[in-house]
Amino acid sequence: MFRQLCGESILRNVVIVTNMWGEVDRQVGEAREAELKDTFFKSSLEKGAQIARNENTITSAQKIIRLILNNHPIPLQIRVEPLGEQSRCFEETLAIADTKRLASDYREERVRFESRLAQMEAEARDRRAAV
């Protein structure tokens, strides 16, 4: 959805920031970062996105800000996507269709979560009553 809203060209302005470096062993963090680079963010990085570490220091924050300040503005795909071509209206663009699908998925997940939460609360009440 991000790519459809923003477009492929915007990826060279994207900085993916990892955090929680102080919460894990350095080798574990580096292994996780390598996995993210090789899988989830691989295609974005190949198209110019950058990755940076937020190590909860002023130095790392400044580095991230410098990466962003070096960017040149690029219009978002959602602003330049032709609406009149192919007889599509705004609501039918891919980005909006994906947003609707994600909203539906979110609603379904929320129902499952709320059901599970109610079940856990009932179990907790039962345990307290048994004590």
Protein backbone atom coordinates (compact mmCIF):
# COMPACT_ATOMS: atom_id res chain seq x y z
CA MET A 1 0.00 0.00 0.00
CA PHE A 2 2.88 2.37 0.84
CA ARG A 3 4.31 1.95 -2.66
CA GLN A 4 0.94 2.47 -4.29
CA LEU A 5 0.31 5.65 -2.31
CA CYS A 6 3.81 7.05 -2.67
CA GLY A 7 5.14 5.47 -5.86
CA GLU A 8 8.38 3.68 -6.62
CA SER A 9 10.38 6.86 -7.22
CA ILE A 10 9.77 8.05 -3.65
CA LEU A 11 11.73 5.13 -2.27
CA ARG A 12 15.01 6.99 -2.73
CA ASN A 13 13.68 9.45 -0.11
CA VAL A 14 12.72 6.72 2.37
CA VAL A 15 14.79 6.09 5.48
CA ILE A 16 13.88 2.91 7.33
CA VAL A 17 14.86 3.35 10.96
CA THR A 18 15.41 0.43 13.30
CA ASN A 19 15.33 0.90 17.04
CA MET A 20 15.56 -0.99 20.35
CA TRP A 21 19.29 -1.52 19.86
CA GLY A 22 19.86 -1.11 23.58
CA GLU A 23 17.35 -3.88 24.35
CA VAL A 24 19.06 -6.76 22.52
CA ASP A 25 22.51 -8.24 22.20
CA ARG A 26 24.34 -6.47 19.36
CA GLN A 27 24.81 -9.69 17.38
CA VAL A 28 21.12 -10.53 17.68
CA GLY A 29 20.20 -7.02 16.52
CA GLU A 30 22.58 -7.20 13.60
CA ALA A 31 21.19 -10.59 12.59
CA ARG A 32 17.64 -9.22 12.70
CA GLU A 33 18.69 -6.18 10.71
CA ALA A 34 20.35 -8.38 8.08
CA GLU A 35 17.18 -10.46 7.84
CA LEU A 36 15.08 -7.32 7.32
CA LYS A 37 17.50 -6.11 4.64
CA ASP A 38 17.44 -9.47 2.85
CA THR A 39 13.70 -10.06 2.99
CA PHE A 40 11.10 -7.49 4.02
CA PHE A 41 12.92 -4.32 2.90
CA LYS A 42 15.08 -5.82 0.14
CA SER A 43 13.18 -4.44 -2.84
CA SER A 44 12.83 -1.00 -1.21
CA LEU A 45 16.56 -0.86 -0.49
CA GLU A 46 17.31 -1.92 -4.07
CA LYS A 47 15.24 1.05 -5.26
CA GLY A 48 17.18 3.55 -3.15
CA ALA A 49 15.69 3.43 0.33
CA GLN A 50 18.21 3.62 3.14
CA ILE A 51 18.32 1.94 6.52
CA ALA A 52 19.61 3.57 9.68
CA ARG A 53 19.86 2.64 13.34
CA ASN A 54 18.27 4.71 16.06
CA GLU A 55 20.59 3.85 18.92
CA ASN A 56 18.87 6.33 21.24
CA THR A 57 21.77 8.76 20.98
CA ILE A 58 22.08 12.28 19.67
CA THR A 59 24.65 11.07 17.14
CA SER A 60 22.34 8.45 15.64
CA ALA A 61 19.43 10.93 15.58
CA GLN A 62 21.60 13.48 13.77
CA LYS A 63 22.67 10.84 11.24
CA ILE A 64 19.03 9.99 10.51
CA ILE A 65 18.10 13.65 10.14
CA ARG A 66 21.04 14.23 7.78
CA LEU A 67 19.83 11.33 5.61
CA ILE A 68 16.39 12.94 5.39
CA LEU A 69 17.71 16.47 4.79
CA ASN A 70 19.64 15.25 1.74
CA ASN A 71 16.38 14.24 0.04
CA HIS A 72 14.88 16.15 -2.86
CA PRO A 73 11.09 16.53 -2.88
CA ILE A 74 9.22 14.06 -5.05
CA PRO A 75 5.44 14.22 -5.52
CA LEU A 76 3.53 11.29 -4.07
CA GLN A 77 1.96 8.87 -6.54
CA ILE A 78 -1.48 9.47 -5.05
CA ARG A 79 -1.16 13.13 -6.11
CA VAL A 80 -0.07 12.44 -9.69
CA GLU A 81 -2.00 9.25 -10.48
CA PRO A 82 -4.23 9.99 -13.46
CA LEU A 83 -7.82 9.81 -12.30
CA GLY A 84 -9.57 10.30 -15.62
CA GLU A 85 -7.66 7.71 -17.61
CA GLN A 86 -9.08 4.21 -17.94
CA SER A 87 -12.47 5.53 -16.74
CA ARG A 88 -11.45 5.24 -13.10
CA CYS A 89 -12.65 7.52 -10.36
CA PHE A 90 -10.57 8.34 -7.31
CA GLU A 91 -12.23 5.69 -5.13
CA GLU A 92 -11.24 3.01 -7.62
CA THR A 93 -7.51 3.71 -7.61
CA LEU A 94 -5.33 0.88 -6.39
CA ALA A 95 -4.29 2.73 -3.27
CA ILE A 96 -7.86 3.31 -2.15
CA ALA A 97 -8.85 -0.25 -2.97
CA ASP A 98 -5.96 -1.51 -0.85
CA THR A 99 -6.90 0.87 1.95
CA LYS A 100 -10.43 -0.52 1.97
CA ARG A 101 -9.11 -4.08 1.99
CA LEU A 102 -6.76 -3.29 4.87
CA ALA A 103 -9.57 -1.60 6.79
CA SER A 104 -11.69 -4.70 6.35
CA ASP A 105 -8.80 -6.92 7.48
CA TYR A 106 -8.30 -4.64 10.47
CA ARG A 107 -11.97 -4.86 11.45
CA GLU A 108 -11.85 -8.66 11.25
CA GLU A 109 -8.65 -8.79 13.29
CA ARG A 110 -10.12 -6.42 15.86
CA VAL A 111 -13.17 -8.66 16.30
CA ARG A 112 -10.87 -11.68 16.80
CA PHE A 113 -8.73 -9.72 19.26
CA GLU A 114 -11.70 -8.46 21.25
CA SER A 115 -13.13 -11.98 21.41
CA ARG A 116 -9.82 -13.39 22.63
CA LEU A 117 -9.48 -10.54 25.15
CA ALA A 118 -12.97 -11.22 26.52
CA GLN A 119 -12.09 -14.91 26.81
CA MET A 120 -8.86 -14.13 28.70
CA GLU A 121 -10.68 -11.72 31.01
CA ALA A 122 -13.27 -14.40 31.79
CA GLU A 123 -10.51 -16.92 32.51
CA ALA A 124 -8.80 -14.42 34.82
CA ARG A 125 -12.08 -13.79 36.67
CA ASP A 126 -12.61 -17.53 37.04
CA ARG A 127 -9.09 -17.96 38.46
CA ARG A 128 -9.60 -15.10 40.93
CA ALA A 129 -12.93 -16.58 42.02
CA ALA A 130 -11.31 -19.98 42.55
CA VAL A 131 -8.66 -18.49 44.87
